[in-house]
């Protein structure tokens, strides 16, 4: 990989780590400490998480418009700034309303970051190297989870100080984005009508369906994973953080997504990851009888989710052809829409039916997704071509 590509990959990795690993997914890790302090119920915590995912949906559409009209630098910079604002607001919050404002800003940061990174890679990296660079950047989520876990281990349960530290740390990738991410409009005229047409294109239908179901299933872990570590397996706060660290470490193996898809194909890898997701949820349920199983659940889920999101990224970019930001934006938008529904639904199920029933239902969602293709098969391409 050329030096310029390495710097771009490093910047993207760090910015994704800040937006996803710190601003977005650390919410689930710190939720057990936040809930008694601000008196949140599980259903209200799920509602706040849904607000974050909803903000993501709005931001990813805006990021696609902004990337086309101004170039990738501005939305990438905004992603860093909103991540800092969101975490700073959460750190200062003393009510559910304050938390709502913070998680919305944090959700905006994650929606803003992916489309400009896809466009930056498309501009700066030769075609043969793009899958490798894209999956390397995508693995930044795992890096951010590792960083957040180590910070929590060092600062125990002082969640306000932890969020302030995250805010300061995010300044580094934000400045890198200002220096490294290219600016200037792409020359492709953006319109919501064209974006809608791309969203409905036959090539994007398979990854969009899978992304929606995957989003529903993933909300269970990212919002309530640490809560379930404690309630099902009886883990103490320090062990819960170690389990989150394991999730981040195995998530970094999402770097292998490009190799796996080249070796086995997109559809086979997607189905393997859905099976691992369901297995992780079943292990969480079984941890009530054997708490050690929760370690395996955390390891499986980290690898499964980051690899699956990388598969969806590659599938969306490939399906969109000359407009990679639109393809990535559409797929990640559908992933977030699923997470909006999943976070609220899982919170309600936890309150009303308990963790075991909720996990059974969400395991079924992952298995349903496994039955669907994540990219068009050759037969589907032929049929679509005949109808054009």
Protein backbone atom coordinates (compact mmCIF):
# COMPACT_ATOMS: atom_id res chain seq x y z
CA UNK A 1 0.00 0.00 0.00
CA UNK A 2 1.37 3.43 -0.97
CA UNK A 3 2.24 5.95 1.76
CA UNK A 4 -0.59 8.28 0.76
CA UNK A 5 -3.05 5.41 0.96
CA UNK A 6 -1.69 4.41 4.38
CA UNK A 7 -2.25 7.91 5.74
CA UNK A 8 -5.78 8.01 4.32
CA UNK A 9 -6.51 4.57 5.79
CA UNK A 10 -5.12 5.61 9.17
CA UNK A 11 -7.17 8.82 9.17
CA UNK A 12 -10.33 6.95 8.21
CA UNK A 13 -9.65 4.23 10.80
CA UNK A 14 -9.20 6.85 13.54
CA UNK A 15 -12.26 8.87 12.52
CA UNK A 16 -14.45 5.74 12.37
CA UNK A 17 -13.02 4.69 15.76
CA UNK A 18 -14.04 8.04 17.26
CA UNK A 19 -17.50 8.26 15.67
CA UNK A 20 -18.53 4.62 16.09
CA UNK A 21 -16.37 3.14 18.85
CA UNK A 22 -16.44 6.19 21.16
CA UNK A 23 -19.40 8.43 20.31
CA UNK A 24 -21.89 5.70 19.45
CA UNK A 25 -21.09 2.27 20.87
CA UNK A 26 -19.54 3.39 24.17
CA UNK A 27 -23.10 4.38 25.13
CA UNK A 28 -23.95 0.71 25.64
CA UNK A 29 -20.78 0.11 27.65
CA UNK A 30 -21.40 3.05 29.99
CA UNK A 31 -25.17 2.61 30.20
CA UNK A 32 -25.06 0.48 33.39
CA UNK A 33 -23.23 3.36 35.16
CA UNK A 34 -25.45 6.07 33.65
CA UNK A 35 -28.82 4.42 34.41
CA UNK A 36 -28.77 4.65 38.24
CA UNK A 37 -27.23 8.14 38.13
CA UNK A 38 -29.94 9.65 35.90
CA UNK A 39 -32.68 7.09 36.70
CA UNK A 40 -33.28 5.58 33.29
CA UNK A 41 -35.52 2.55 32.73
CA UNK A 42 -34.54 -0.06 30.15
CA UNK A 43 -37.31 1.06 27.80
CA UNK A 44 -36.24 4.72 28.08
CA UNK A 45 -32.63 3.70 27.44
CA UNK A 46 -33.84 1.90 24.32
CA UNK A 47 -35.72 5.02 23.24
CA UNK A 48 -32.57 7.15 23.63
CA UNK A 49 -30.61 4.64 21.56
CA UNK A 50 -33.31 4.74 18.89
CA UNK A 51 -32.97 8.55 18.80
CA UNK A 52 -29.24 8.14 18.15
CA UNK A 53 -29.87 5.71 15.31
CA UNK A 54 -32.59 8.00 13.89
CA UNK A 55 -30.12 10.90 13.89
CA UNK A 56 -27.75 8.62 12.00
CA UNK A 57 -30.42 8.12 9.32
CA UNK A 58 -30.83 11.87 8.81
CA UNK A 59 -27.09 12.52 8.81
CA UNK A 60 -26.20 9.85 6.27
CA UNK A 61 -28.57 11.42 3.73
CA UNK A 62 -27.11 14.86 4.43
CA UNK A 63 -23.58 13.42 4.16
CA UNK A 64 -24.33 12.08 0.68
CA UNK A 65 -25.57 15.51 -0.44
CA UNK A 66 -22.67 17.33 1.21
CA UNK A 67 -20.05 14.94 -0.18
CA UNK A 68 -21.32 15.42 -3.73
CA UNK A 69 -21.56 19.21 -3.48
CA UNK A 70 -18.52 20.13 -1.39
CA UNK A 71 -16.28 17.05 -1.47
CA UNK A 72 -15.55 14.61 1.37
CA UNK A 73 -13.51 16.92 3.62
CA UNK A 74 -16.41 18.99 5.06
CA UNK A 75 -18.69 16.10 6.10
CA UNK A 76 -15.70 14.21 7.53
CA UNK A 77 -14.77 17.28 9.58
CA UNK A 78 -18.39 17.68 10.73
CA UNK A 79 -18.39 14.04 11.82
CA UNK A 80 -15.52 14.71 14.19
CA UNK A 81 -17.06 17.93 15.51
CA UNK A 82 -20.47 16.36 16.16
CA UNK A 83 -18.81 13.40 17.90
CA UNK A 84 -17.01 15.82 20.21
CA UNK A 85 -20.18 17.85 20.82
CA UNK A 86 -22.27 14.77 21.54
CA UNK A 87 -19.87 13.26 24.04
CA UNK A 88 -19.31 16.61 25.72
CA UNK A 89 -23.08 17.11 26.14
CA UNK A 90 -23.51 13.59 27.56
CA UNK A 91 -20.70 14.25 30.05
CA UNK A 92 -22.50 17.38 31.30
CA UNK A 93 -26.02 15.91 31.33
CA UNK A 94 -28.11 15.52 34.48
CA UNK A 95 -31.43 14.56 32.89
CA UNK A 96 -32.82 12.28 30.16
CA UNK A 97 -33.35 15.39 28.00
CA UNK A 98 -29.67 16.28 28.16
CA UNK A 99 -28.72 12.70 27.33
CA UNK A 100 -31.12 12.80 24.39
CA UNK A 101 -29.35 15.86 22.95
CA UNK A 102 -25.97 14.20 23.43
CA UNK A 103 -26.84 10.87 21.85
CA UNK A 104 -28.47 12.64 18.89
CA UNK A 105 -25.26 14.60 18.22
CA UNK A 106 -23.26 11.39 18.58
CA UNK A 107 -25.63 9.65 16.16
CA UNK A 108 -25.19 12.47 13.65
CA UNK A 109 -21.42 11.94 13.73
CA UNK A 110 -21.69 8.30 12.68
CA UNK A 111 -24.05 9.14 9.84
CA UNK A 112 -21.73 11.85 8.58
CA UNK A 113 -18.52 9.82 8.54
CA UNK A 114 -19.02 6.88 6.15
CA UNK A 115 -20.07 8.46 2.80
CA UNK A 116 -17.14 10.93 2.68
CA UNK A 117 -14.67 8.16 3.53
CA UNK A 118 -16.03 6.02 0.67
CA UNK A 119 -15.67 8.98 -1.71
CA UNK A 120 -12.15 9.79 -0.45
CA UNK A 121 -11.07 6.19 -1.08
CA UNK A 122 -12.69 6.29 -4.52
CA UNK A 123 -10.68 9.42 -5.39
CA UNK A 124 -7.30 8.58 -3.88
CA UNK A 125 -6.93 4.79 -4.13
CA UNK A 126 -6.59 2.66 -7.25
CA UNK A 127 -9.54 0.35 -7.87
CA UNK A 128 -7.74 -2.89 -7.02
CA UNK A 129 -6.80 -1.57 -3.56
CA UNK A 130 -10.16 -0.05 -2.61
CA UNK A 131 -11.72 -3.12 -0.92
CA UNK A 132 -8.63 -3.49 1.28
CA UNK A 133 -8.57 0.20 2.27
CA UNK A 134 -12.34 0.33 2.82
CA UNK A 135 -12.34 -2.72 5.10
CA UNK A 136 -9.31 -1.36 6.99
CA UNK A 137 -11.16 1.91 7.62
CA UNK A 138 -14.32 0.02 8.60
CA UNK A 139 -12.35 -1.94 11.22
CA UNK A 140 -11.84 1.35 13.08
CA UNK A 141 -15.03 0.51 14.99
CA UNK A 142 -13.16 -2.32 16.70
CA UNK A 143 -10.24 -0.01 17.46
CA UNK A 144 -12.57 2.52 19.05
CA UNK A 145 -14.21 -0.15 21.18
CA UNK A 146 -10.78 -1.29 22.41
CA UNK A 147 -9.83 2.30 23.28
CA UNK A 148 -13.11 2.92 25.10
CA UNK A 149 -12.77 -0.33 27.08
CA UNK A 150 -9.23 0.49 28.19
CA UNK A 151 -10.33 3.98 29.22
CA UNK A 152 -13.16 2.58 31.33
CA UNK A 153 -10.78 0.07 32.96
CA UNK A 154 -8.40 2.91 33.81
CA UNK A 155 -11.06 5.36 35.06
CA UNK A 156 -13.46 2.79 36.60
CA UNK A 157 -17.10 3.89 36.51
CA UNK A 158 -16.67 7.69 36.41
CA UNK A 159 -18.60 7.95 33.18
CA UNK A 160 -18.53 11.76 32.99
CA UNK A 161 -14.72 11.95 33.07
CA UNK A 162 -14.56 9.09 30.58
CA UNK A 163 -16.76 10.99 28.12
CA UNK A 164 -14.62 14.12 28.55
CA UNK A 165 -11.52 12.04 27.74
CA UNK A 166 -13.24 10.65 24.65
CA UNK A 167 -14.09 14.20 23.58
CA UNK A 168 -10.45 15.29 23.80
CA UNK A 169 -9.21 12.13 22.03
CA UNK A 170 -11.57 12.79 19.10
CA UNK A 171 -9.80 16.07 18.41
CA UNK A 172 -6.86 14.13 16.88
CA UNK A 173 -8.75 12.37 14.03
CA UNK A 174 -10.77 15.54 13.44
CA UNK A 175 -7.58 17.50 12.76
CA UNK A 176 -6.25 14.63 10.63
CA UNK A 177 -9.43 14.76 8.55
CA UNK A 178 -8.91 18.47 7.94
CA UNK A 179 -5.41 17.78 6.65
CA UNK A 180 -5.75 14.44 4.80
CA UNK A 181 -9.30 14.14 3.40
CA UNK A 182 -9.58 15.75 -0.06
CA UNK A 183 -11.96 18.64 -0.69
CA UNK A 184 -13.72 19.87 -3.83
CA UNK A 185 -16.95 18.68 -5.41
CA UNK A 186 -16.81 15.43 -7.34
CA UNK A 187 -18.50 16.91 -10.41
CA UNK A 188 -21.37 14.42 -10.07
CA UNK A 189 -24.62 16.32 -9.72
CA UNK A 190 -26.54 15.09 -6.70
CA UNK A 191 -30.32 14.95 -6.59
CA UNK A 192 -32.64 13.25 -4.13
CA UNK A 193 -34.59 11.85 -7.07
CA UNK A 194 -31.47 10.18 -8.45
CA UNK A 195 -30.57 9.00 -4.96
CA UNK A 196 -34.03 7.50 -4.57
CA UNK A 197 -33.69 5.74 -7.91
CA UNK A 198 -30.35 4.30 -6.82
CA UNK A 199 -31.95 3.22 -3.54
CA UNK A 200 -34.56 1.23 -5.49
CA UNK A 201 -32.17 -0.26 -8.03
CA UNK A 202 -32.32 -4.07 -8.31
CA UNK A 203 -28.60 -4.40 -7.57
CA UNK A 204 -29.03 -2.72 -4.16
CA UNK A 205 -32.11 -4.65 -3.04
CA UNK A 206 -30.26 -7.68 -1.61
CA UNK A 207 -27.83 -5.73 0.63
CA UNK A 208 -30.63 -3.36 1.70
CA UNK A 209 -32.84 -6.23 2.92
CA UNK A 210 -29.98 -7.87 4.76
CA UNK A 211 -28.85 -4.53 6.24
CA UNK A 212 -32.32 -3.85 7.67
CA UNK A 213 -32.57 -7.21 9.42
CA UNK A 214 -28.94 -7.02 10.55
CA UNK A 215 -29.62 -3.59 12.04
CA UNK A 216 -32.55 -4.90 14.06
CA UNK A 217 -30.48 -7.78 15.45
CA UNK A 218 -27.38 -5.69 16.18
CA UNK A 219 -29.24 -3.13 18.30
CA UNK A 220 -29.71 -5.78 20.99
CA UNK A 221 -25.98 -6.13 21.59
CA UNK A 222 -24.72 -2.58 21.07
CA UNK A 223 -27.35 -1.03 23.33
CA UNK A 224 -27.93 -3.71 25.95
CA UNK A 225 -24.94 -6.08 25.75
CA UNK A 226 -23.28 -4.85 28.97
CA UNK A 227 -26.66 -4.83 30.77
CA UNK A 228 -27.13 -8.49 29.80
CA UNK A 229 -23.56 -9.41 30.79
CA UNK A 230 -24.49 -8.28 34.29
CA UNK A 231 -28.07 -9.58 34.46
CA UNK A 232 -27.63 -12.97 32.76
CA UNK A 233 -24.07 -13.96 33.65
CA UNK A 234 -23.79 -11.99 36.89
CA UNK A 235 -20.65 -10.18 35.76
CA UNK A 236 -19.28 -7.26 37.76
CA UNK A 237 -18.52 -3.89 36.18
CA UNK A 238 -14.82 -4.56 35.56
CA UNK A 239 -15.55 -7.91 33.91
CA UNK A 240 -18.26 -6.31 31.77
CA UNK A 241 -15.64 -3.87 30.47
CA UNK A 242 -13.23 -6.73 29.75
CA UNK A 243 -15.97 -8.42 27.72
CA UNK A 244 -16.46 -5.19 25.74
CA UNK A 245 -12.70 -5.14 25.17
CA UNK A 246 -12.88 -8.70 23.81
CA UNK A 247 -15.64 -7.56 21.44
CA UNK A 248 -13.37 -4.76 20.14
CA UNK A 249 -10.33 -7.02 19.75
CA UNK A 250 -12.18 -9.66 17.75
CA UNK A 251 -13.90 -6.88 15.80
CA UNK A 252 -10.50 -5.80 14.52
CA UNK A 253 -10.32 -9.13 12.70
CA UNK A 254 -12.86 -7.52 10.41
CA UNK A 255 -9.69 -6.51 8.57
CA UNK A 256 -9.99 -9.95 7.00
CA UNK A 257 -13.30 -9.08 5.32
CA UNK A 258 -11.67 -8.40 1.95
CA UNK A 259 -9.77 -11.70 2.06
CA UNK A 260 -12.84 -13.66 3.17
CA UNK A 261 -15.12 -12.21 0.48
CA UNK A 262 -12.48 -12.87 -2.20
CA UNK A 263 -12.02 -16.43 -0.93
CA UNK A 264 -15.62 -17.44 -0.21
CA UNK A 265 -17.83 -14.79 -1.83
CA UNK A 266 -20.03 -12.09 -0.33
CA UNK A 267 -23.12 -14.23 0.21
CA UNK A 268 -21.32 -17.08 1.94
CA UNK A 269 -19.45 -14.75 4.31
CA UNK A 270 -22.63 -12.81 5.14
CA UNK A 271 -24.42 -16.06 6.02
CA UNK A 272 -21.53 -17.22 8.20
CA UNK A 273 -21.63 -13.93 10.11
CA UNK A 274 -25.40 -14.11 10.61
CA UNK A 275 -24.97 -17.63 12.00
CA UNK A 276 -22.26 -16.38 14.38
CA UNK A 277 -24.55 -13.55 15.51
CA UNK A 278 -27.33 -16.00 16.36
CA UNK A 279 -24.79 -18.24 18.10
CA UNK A 280 -23.55 -15.31 20.20
CA UNK A 281 -27.10 -14.55 21.34
CA UNK A 282 -27.72 -18.21 22.22
CA UNK A 283 -24.49 -18.29 24.22
CA UNK A 284 -25.63 -15.18 26.10
CA UNK A 285 -28.82 -17.00 27.04
CA UNK A 286 -26.86 -20.09 28.14
CA UNK A 287 -24.54 -17.95 30.29
CA UNK A 288 -27.20 -18.00 33.03
CA UNK A 289 -26.08 -21.62 33.61
CA UNK A 290 -22.40 -21.22 32.70
CA UNK A 291 -21.13 -17.62 33.02
CA UNK A 292 -17.91 -18.42 31.13
CA UNK A 293 -19.93 -18.75 27.91
CA UNK A 294 -20.38 -14.96 27.90
CA UNK A 295 -16.69 -14.58 26.95
CA UNK A 296 -17.23 -16.68 23.83
CA UNK A 297 -20.40 -14.72 23.04
CA UNK A 298 -18.50 -11.41 23.21
CA UNK A 299 -15.70 -12.75 21.00
CA UNK A 300 -18.04 -14.18 18.37
CA UNK A 301 -20.19 -11.07 18.20
CA UNK A 302 -17.34 -8.61 17.73
CA UNK A 303 -15.95 -10.55 14.78
CA UNK A 304 -19.40 -11.21 13.30
CA UNK A 305 -20.67 -7.63 13.39
CA UNK A 306 -17.59 -5.81 12.09
CA UNK A 307 -17.07 -8.39 9.35
CA UNK A 308 -20.75 -8.25 8.40
CA UNK A 309 -20.73 -4.45 8.23
CA UNK A 310 -17.65 -4.71 6.00
CA UNK A 311 -19.46 -7.19 3.75
CA UNK A 312 -22.44 -4.83 3.47
CA UNK A 313 -20.08 -1.93 2.76
CA UNK A 314 -18.39 -3.81 -0.10
CA UNK A 315 -21.72 -5.06 -1.44
CA UNK A 316 -23.27 -1.58 -1.39
CA UNK A 317 -20.25 0.07 -3.02
CA UNK A 318 -20.10 -2.63 -5.73
CA UNK A 319 -23.83 -2.40 -6.43
CA UNK A 320 -23.71 1.40 -6.87
CA UNK A 321 -21.07 1.35 -9.58
CA UNK A 322 -19.69 4.86 -10.19
CA UNK A 323 -21.34 6.38 -7.10
CA UNK A 324 -19.83 4.48 -4.14
CA UNK A 325 -20.94 7.03 -1.54
CA UNK A 326 -24.57 6.55 -2.61
CA UNK A 327 -24.34 2.77 -2.38
CA UNK A 328 -22.63 2.83 0.99
CA UNK A 329 -25.02 5.51 2.24
CA UNK A 330 -28.10 3.52 1.19
CA UNK A 331 -26.93 0.31 2.84
CA UNK A 332 -25.79 1.96 6.07
CA UNK A 333 -29.02 4.00 6.16
CA UNK A 334 -31.03 0.79 6.04
CA UNK A 335 -28.78 -0.71 8.73
CA UNK A 336 -29.55 2.29 10.95
CA UNK A 337 -33.30 2.14 10.27
CA UNK A 338 -33.17 -1.44 11.48
CA UNK A 339 -31.28 -0.32 14.58
CA UNK A 340 -33.90 2.35 15.34
CA UNK A 341 -36.57 -0.34 15.41
CA UNK A 342 -34.37 -2.91 17.11
CA UNK A 343 -33.21 -0.73 20.01
CA UNK A 344 -36.74 0.32 20.97
CA UNK A 345 -38.17 -3.19 20.51
CA UNK A 346 -35.44 -4.91 22.50
CA UNK A 347 -35.76 -2.42 25.37
CA UNK A 348 -39.51 -3.04 25.55
CA UNK A 349 -38.98 -6.82 25.43
CA UNK A 350 -36.41 -6.65 28.21
CA UNK A 351 -38.84 -4.74 30.42
CA UNK A 352 -41.89 -6.89 29.64
CA UNK A 353 -40.65 -10.41 28.82
CA UNK A 354 -37.05 -10.62 30.01
CA UNK A 355 -33.67 -11.10 28.35
CA UNK A 356 -34.04 -14.78 27.39
CA UNK A 357 -37.22 -14.32 25.33
CA UNK A 358 -35.86 -11.11 23.78
CA UNK A 359 -32.67 -12.91 22.72
CA UNK A 360 -34.62 -15.84 21.26
CA UNK A 361 -36.61 -13.42 19.09
CA UNK A 362 -33.56 -11.47 17.96
CA UNK A 363 -31.65 -14.69 17.20
CA UNK A 364 -34.53 -15.51 14.86
CA UNK A 365 -34.07 -12.16 13.11
CA UNK A 366 -30.40 -12.99 12.42
CA UNK A 367 -31.35 -16.44 11.11
CA UNK A 368 -34.00 -14.87 8.85
CA UNK A 369 -31.34 -12.55 7.43
CA UNK A 370 -29.13 -15.60 6.81
CA UNK A 371 -31.73 -16.96 4.38
CA UNK A 372 -31.40 -13.89 2.12
CA UNK A 373 -28.55 -13.03 -0.28
CA UNK A 374 -26.46 -9.91 0.42
CA UNK A 375 -25.61 -9.40 -3.25
CA UNK A 376 -27.22 -10.33 -6.52
CA UNK A 377 -26.64 -13.84 -7.76
CA UNK A 378 -25.79 -14.41 -11.42
CA UNK A 379 -29.32 -15.69 -12.05
CA UNK A 380 -30.84 -12.53 -10.53
CA UNK A 381 -28.64 -10.37 -12.77
CA UNK A 382 -29.84 -12.21 -15.87
CA UNK A 383 -33.51 -11.89 -14.87
CA UNK A 384 -33.14 -8.16 -14.12
CA UNK A 385 -31.39 -7.61 -17.45
CA UNK A 386 -34.25 -9.31 -19.29
CA UNK A 387 -36.80 -6.99 -17.70
CA UNK A 388 -34.88 -3.79 -18.52
